[in-house]
Amino acid sequence: MYSNKVIDHFENPRNVGTIDHPDGIGKQGNPVCGDVMEIAIKVNDNIIEEGKFRTFGCCAAIATSSMVTEMVKGKTLDEAEQISKQAVADALDGLPPAKMHC
């Protein structure tokens, strides 16, 4: 059902935690499945230097949060804003259609 990359990011999530004095915080919840995600970033000269997350949710929610924090590092804010849920799914070698909302 899940790719090896999804399982790896679920079992060994990258960048879990919080950032002291973050430059931005995003929070998202899904009342249907109960997932709750929070991602914080640290920005310097319009470049994202660090991203951390805290997620309460399923395997896919944790894996996508982990992958997003990896994908945004070194990107400008505009570049990071262009990352789509499909790009995150592709970076994880796919997600089941029922998990794309994660």
N, C-alpha and C. Protein backbone atom coordinates (compact mmCIF):
# COMPACT_ATOMS: atom_id res chain seq x y z
N MET A 1 0.81 -1.19 0.00
CA MET A 1 0.00 0.00 0.00
C MET A 1 0.86 1.27 0.00
N TYR A 2 1.90 1.32 0.86
CA TYR A 2 2.78 2.49 0.91
C TYR A 2 4.14 2.14 0.31
N SER A 3 4.76 3.14 -0.32
CA SER A 3 6.10 2.95 -0.88
C SER A 3 7.13 2.84 0.24
N ASN A 4 8.31 2.37 -0.12
CA ASN A 4 9.41 2.28 0.85
C ASN A 4 9.78 3.66 1.40
N LYS A 5 9.69 4.70 0.56
CA LYS A 5 10.02 6.04 1.02
C LYS A 5 9.00 6.54 2.05
N VAL A 6 7.72 6.25 1.83
CA VAL A 6 6.70 6.64 2.80
C VAL A 6 6.98 5.96 4.13
N ILE A 7 7.23 4.67 4.08
CA ILE A 7 7.51 3.91 5.31
C ILE A 7 8.75 4.47 6.01
N ASP A 8 9.79 4.79 5.23
CA ASP A 8 11.02 5.33 5.82
C ASP A 8 10.76 6.66 6.51
N HIS A 9 10.02 7.56 5.86
CA HIS A 9 9.74 8.87 6.47
C HIS A 9 8.78 8.75 7.65
N PHE A 10 7.97 7.70 7.67
CA PHE A 10 7.09 7.46 8.83
C PHE A 10 7.89 6.89 10.00
N GLU A 11 8.73 5.92 9.73
CA GLU A 11 9.50 5.27 10.79
C GLU A 11 10.69 6.11 11.26
N ASN A 12 11.22 6.93 10.37
CA ASN A 12 12.39 7.77 10.66
C ASN A 12 12.12 9.20 10.20
N PRO A 13 11.14 9.85 10.78
CA PRO A 13 10.79 11.19 10.30
C PRO A 13 11.94 12.17 10.48
N ARG A 14 12.09 13.03 9.49
CA ARG A 14 13.11 14.06 9.53
C ARG A 14 12.50 15.34 10.10
N ASN A 15 13.29 16.08 10.86
CA ASN A 15 12.94 17.43 11.27
C ASN A 15 11.72 17.52 12.19
N VAL A 16 11.56 16.56 13.07
CA VAL A 16 10.47 16.60 14.04
C VAL A 16 10.83 17.58 15.15
N GLY A 17 9.87 18.37 15.55
CA GLY A 17 10.08 19.26 16.67
C GLY A 17 9.60 20.67 16.40
N THR A 18 10.15 21.60 17.15
CA THR A 18 9.77 22.99 17.03
C THR A 18 11.01 23.84 16.79
N ILE A 19 10.78 25.06 16.38
CA ILE A 19 11.86 26.02 16.14
C ILE A 19 11.65 27.18 17.11
N ASP A 20 12.70 27.54 17.84
CA ASP A 20 12.62 28.72 18.69
C ASP A 20 12.52 29.96 17.82
N HIS A 21 11.56 30.78 18.08
CA HIS A 21 11.36 32.04 17.35
C HIS A 21 11.27 31.81 15.84
N PRO A 22 10.32 31.00 15.38
CA PRO A 22 10.19 30.74 13.94
C PRO A 22 9.75 32.00 13.19
N ASP A 23 10.06 32.03 11.91
CA ASP A 23 9.63 33.13 11.06
C ASP A 23 8.25 32.87 10.46
N GLY A 24 7.81 31.64 10.52
CA GLY A 24 6.49 31.31 10.02
C GLY A 24 6.02 29.98 10.58
N ILE A 25 4.70 29.89 10.82
CA ILE A 25 4.10 28.65 11.29
C ILE A 25 2.82 28.41 10.50
N GLY A 26 2.67 27.19 10.02
CA GLY A 26 1.43 26.80 9.35
C GLY A 26 0.80 25.66 10.11
N LYS A 27 -0.51 25.73 10.30
CA LYS A 27 -1.25 24.67 10.99
C LYS A 27 -2.41 24.24 10.11
N GLN A 28 -2.63 22.94 10.07
CA GLN A 28 -3.72 22.39 9.26
C GLN A 28 -4.30 21.20 9.99
N GLY A 29 -5.60 21.10 9.99
CA GLY A 29 -6.28 19.95 10.56
C GLY A 29 -7.32 19.43 9.60
N ASN A 30 -7.59 18.16 9.67
CA ASN A 30 -8.61 17.54 8.83
C ASN A 30 -9.63 16.89 9.75
N PRO A 31 -10.80 17.49 9.89
CA PRO A 31 -11.79 16.93 10.82
C PRO A 31 -12.32 15.56 10.41
N VAL A 32 -12.21 15.21 9.14
CA VAL A 32 -12.70 13.92 8.66
C VAL A 32 -11.86 12.78 9.20
N CYS A 33 -10.52 12.91 9.11
CA CYS A 33 -9.64 11.82 9.54
C CYS A 33 -8.95 12.09 10.85
N GLY A 34 -8.98 13.34 11.32
CA GLY A 34 -8.38 13.66 12.60
C GLY A 34 -6.92 14.08 12.57
N ASP A 35 -6.30 14.14 11.38
CA ASP A 35 -4.91 14.57 11.29
C ASP A 35 -4.77 16.03 11.69
N VAL A 36 -3.70 16.35 12.41
CA VAL A 36 -3.37 17.73 12.77
C VAL A 36 -1.88 17.92 12.50
N MET A 37 -1.54 18.94 11.71
CA MET A 37 -0.16 19.18 11.33
C MET A 37 0.23 20.62 11.66
N GLU A 38 1.47 20.79 12.09
CA GLU A 38 2.04 22.11 12.31
C GLU A 38 3.45 22.09 11.74
N ILE A 39 3.74 23.04 10.88
CA ILE A 39 5.08 23.16 10.29
C ILE A 39 5.59 24.57 10.57
N ALA A 40 6.82 24.67 11.05
CA ALA A 40 7.46 25.95 11.33
C ALA A 40 8.70 26.08 10.45
N ILE A 41 8.99 27.32 10.06
CA ILE A 41 10.18 27.57 9.23
C ILE A 41 11.01 28.71 9.82
N LYS A 42 12.29 28.65 9.52
CA LYS A 42 13.23 29.72 9.84
C LYS A 42 13.76 30.23 8.50
N VAL A 43 13.68 31.54 8.28
CA VAL A 43 14.02 32.14 6.99
C VAL A 43 15.13 33.17 7.19
N ASN A 44 16.08 33.18 6.25
CA ASN A 44 17.16 34.17 6.25
C ASN A 44 17.33 34.65 4.82
N ASP A 45 17.22 35.95 4.61
CA ASP A 45 17.34 36.54 3.26
C ASP A 45 16.44 35.84 2.25
N ASN A 46 15.20 35.59 2.66
CA ASN A 46 14.17 34.98 1.81
C ASN A 46 14.44 33.51 1.48
N ILE A 47 15.40 32.89 2.13
CA ILE A 47 15.71 31.47 1.92
C ILE A 47 15.33 30.70 3.18
N ILE A 48 14.62 29.61 3.01
CA ILE A 48 14.24 28.78 4.15
C ILE A 48 15.45 27.96 4.58
N GLU A 49 15.92 28.23 5.78
CA GLU A 49 17.09 27.54 6.30
C GLU A 49 16.73 26.29 7.06
N GLU A 50 15.53 26.29 7.67
CA GLU A 50 15.15 25.17 8.52
C GLU A 50 13.65 25.02 8.52
N GLY A 51 13.21 23.78 8.58
CA GLY A 51 11.79 23.48 8.73
C GLY A 51 11.63 22.35 9.72
N LYS A 52 10.66 22.48 10.59
CA LYS A 52 10.37 21.43 11.58
C LYS A 52 8.87 21.21 11.62
N PHE A 53 8.47 20.02 12.04
CA PHE A 53 7.04 19.74 12.09
C PHE A 53 6.67 18.96 13.33
N ARG A 54 5.39 19.09 13.66
CA ARG A 54 4.74 18.25 14.67
C ARG A 54 3.42 17.82 14.04
N THR A 55 3.23 16.52 13.94
CA THR A 55 2.03 15.98 13.30
C THR A 55 1.44 14.88 14.15
N PHE A 56 0.14 14.96 14.33
CA PHE A 56 -0.63 13.90 14.95
C PHE A 56 -1.48 13.33 13.83
N GLY A 57 -1.17 12.12 13.42
CA GLY A 57 -1.93 11.55 12.31
C GLY A 57 -1.39 10.21 11.87
N CYS A 58 -1.84 9.83 10.71
CA CYS A 58 -1.53 8.52 10.15
C CYS A 58 -0.13 8.50 9.53
N CYS A 59 0.24 7.35 9.03
CA CYS A 59 1.53 7.14 8.38
C CYS A 59 1.76 8.17 7.27
N ALA A 60 0.78 8.37 6.42
CA ALA A 60 0.93 9.31 5.30
C ALA A 60 1.07 10.74 5.79
N ALA A 61 0.34 11.13 6.83
CA ALA A 61 0.43 12.49 7.35
C ALA A 61 1.82 12.77 7.90
N ILE A 62 2.38 11.83 8.61
CA ILE A 62 3.72 12.00 9.16
C ILE A 62 4.76 11.99 8.05
N ALA A 63 4.63 11.09 7.10
CA ALA A 63 5.60 11.01 6.00
C ALA A 63 5.57 12.27 5.14
N THR A 64 4.39 12.79 4.83
CA THR A 64 4.32 13.99 4.00
C THR A 64 4.87 15.20 4.75
N SER A 65 4.61 15.29 6.05
CA SER A 65 5.16 16.39 6.84
C SER A 65 6.69 16.33 6.84
N SER A 66 7.23 15.14 7.02
CA SER A 66 8.67 14.94 7.00
C SER A 66 9.25 15.34 5.65
N MET A 67 8.62 14.88 4.58
CA MET A 67 9.12 15.17 3.23
C MET A 67 9.05 16.66 2.92
N VAL A 68 7.97 17.32 3.29
CA VAL A 68 7.85 18.75 3.01
C VAL A 68 8.97 19.52 3.70
N THR A 69 9.29 19.18 4.94
CA THR A 69 10.37 19.90 5.62
C THR A 69 11.71 19.69 4.93
N GLU A 70 11.89 18.56 4.31
CA GLU A 70 13.11 18.31 3.52
C GLU A 70 13.08 19.10 2.21
N MET A 71 11.93 19.15 1.57
CA MET A 71 11.81 19.79 0.26
C MET A 71 11.97 21.31 0.32
N VAL A 72 11.59 21.94 1.42
CA VAL A 72 11.63 23.41 1.47
C VAL A 72 13.01 23.96 1.80
N LYS A 73 13.87 23.16 2.39
CA LYS A 73 15.19 23.66 2.77
C LYS A 73 15.95 24.19 1.56
N GLY A 74 16.46 25.40 1.71
CA GLY A 74 17.25 26.01 0.64
C GLY A 74 16.42 26.69 -0.43
N LYS A 75 15.12 26.63 -0.32
CA LYS A 75 14.24 27.26 -1.31
C LYS A 75 13.85 28.66 -0.85
N THR A 76 13.54 29.52 -1.82
CA THR A 76 12.97 30.81 -1.47
C THR A 76 11.53 30.58 -1.03
N LEU A 77 10.96 31.59 -0.40
CA LEU A 77 9.56 31.48 0.01
C LEU A 77 8.65 31.25 -1.18
N ASP A 78 8.91 31.94 -2.29
CA ASP A 78 8.10 31.76 -3.51
C ASP A 78 8.24 30.35 -4.07
N GLU A 79 9.46 29.82 -4.07
CA GLU A 79 9.68 28.45 -4.56
C GLU A 79 8.95 27.44 -3.67
N ALA A 80 9.05 27.63 -2.36
CA ALA A 80 8.40 26.70 -1.43
C ALA A 80 6.89 26.74 -1.59
N GLU A 81 6.35 27.92 -1.83
CA GLU A 81 4.90 28.06 -1.99
C GLU A 81 4.39 27.30 -3.22
N GLN A 82 5.25 27.06 -4.18
CA GLN A 82 4.86 26.37 -5.41
C GLN A 82 4.89 24.84 -5.28
N ILE A 83 5.35 24.32 -4.16
CA ILE A 83 5.39 22.87 -3.97
C ILE A 83 3.96 22.36 -3.82
N SER A 84 3.57 21.48 -4.69
CA SER A 84 2.20 20.96 -4.70
C SER A 84 2.11 19.65 -3.92
N LYS A 85 0.89 19.28 -3.59
CA LYS A 85 0.72 17.99 -2.92
C LYS A 85 1.14 16.85 -3.85
N GLN A 86 0.99 17.04 -5.15
CA GLN A 86 1.44 16.01 -6.09
C GLN A 86 2.96 15.89 -6.08
N ALA A 87 3.66 17.02 -5.97
CA ALA A 87 5.13 16.99 -5.90
C ALA A 87 5.60 16.26 -4.65
N VAL A 88 4.90 16.47 -3.53
CA VAL A 88 5.25 15.77 -2.29
C VAL A 88 5.00 14.28 -2.46
N ALA A 89 3.86 13.93 -3.02
CA ALA A 89 3.54 12.51 -3.26
C ALA A 89 4.57 11.88 -4.20
N ASP A 90 4.94 12.60 -5.24
CA ASP A 90 5.95 12.07 -6.18
C ASP A 90 7.29 11.86 -5.49
N ALA A 91 7.67 12.79 -4.61
CA ALA A 91 8.94 12.66 -3.89
C ALA A 91 8.94 11.45 -2.96
N LEU A 92 7.73 11.03 -2.55
CA LEU A 92 7.59 9.85 -1.70
C LEU A 92 7.31 8.59 -2.52
N ASP A 93 7.49 8.67 -3.83
CA ASP A 93 7.20 7.56 -4.75
C ASP A 93 5.73 7.16 -4.71
N GLY A 94 4.87 8.15 -4.49
CA GLY A 94 3.43 7.95 -4.57
C GLY A 94 2.75 7.74 -3.23
N LEU A 95 1.47 8.08 -3.23
CA LEU A 95 0.59 7.84 -2.09
C LEU A 95 -0.68 7.20 -2.62
N PRO A 96 -1.34 6.38 -1.84
CA PRO A 96 -2.64 5.86 -2.27
C PRO A 96 -3.62 7.02 -2.48
N PRO A 97 -4.49 6.93 -3.47
CA PRO A 97 -5.44 8.03 -3.73
C PRO A 97 -6.21 8.48 -2.49
N ALA A 98 -6.56 7.57 -1.63
CA ALA A 98 -7.32 7.93 -0.42
C ALA A 98 -6.48 8.71 0.59
N LYS A 99 -5.16 8.78 0.37
CA LYS A 99 -4.26 9.48 1.30
C LYS A 99 -3.71 10.77 0.73
N MET A 100 -4.12 11.16 -0.45
CA MET A 100 -3.60 12.39 -1.07
C MET A 100 -3.97 13.63 -0.27
N HIS A 101 -5.02 13.59 0.51
CA HIS A 101 -5.38 14.75 1.33
C HIS A 101 -4.33 15.02 2.42
N CYS A 102 -3.52 14.03 2.71
CA CYS A 102 -2.48 14.20 3.75
C CYS A 102 -1.40 15.15 3.27
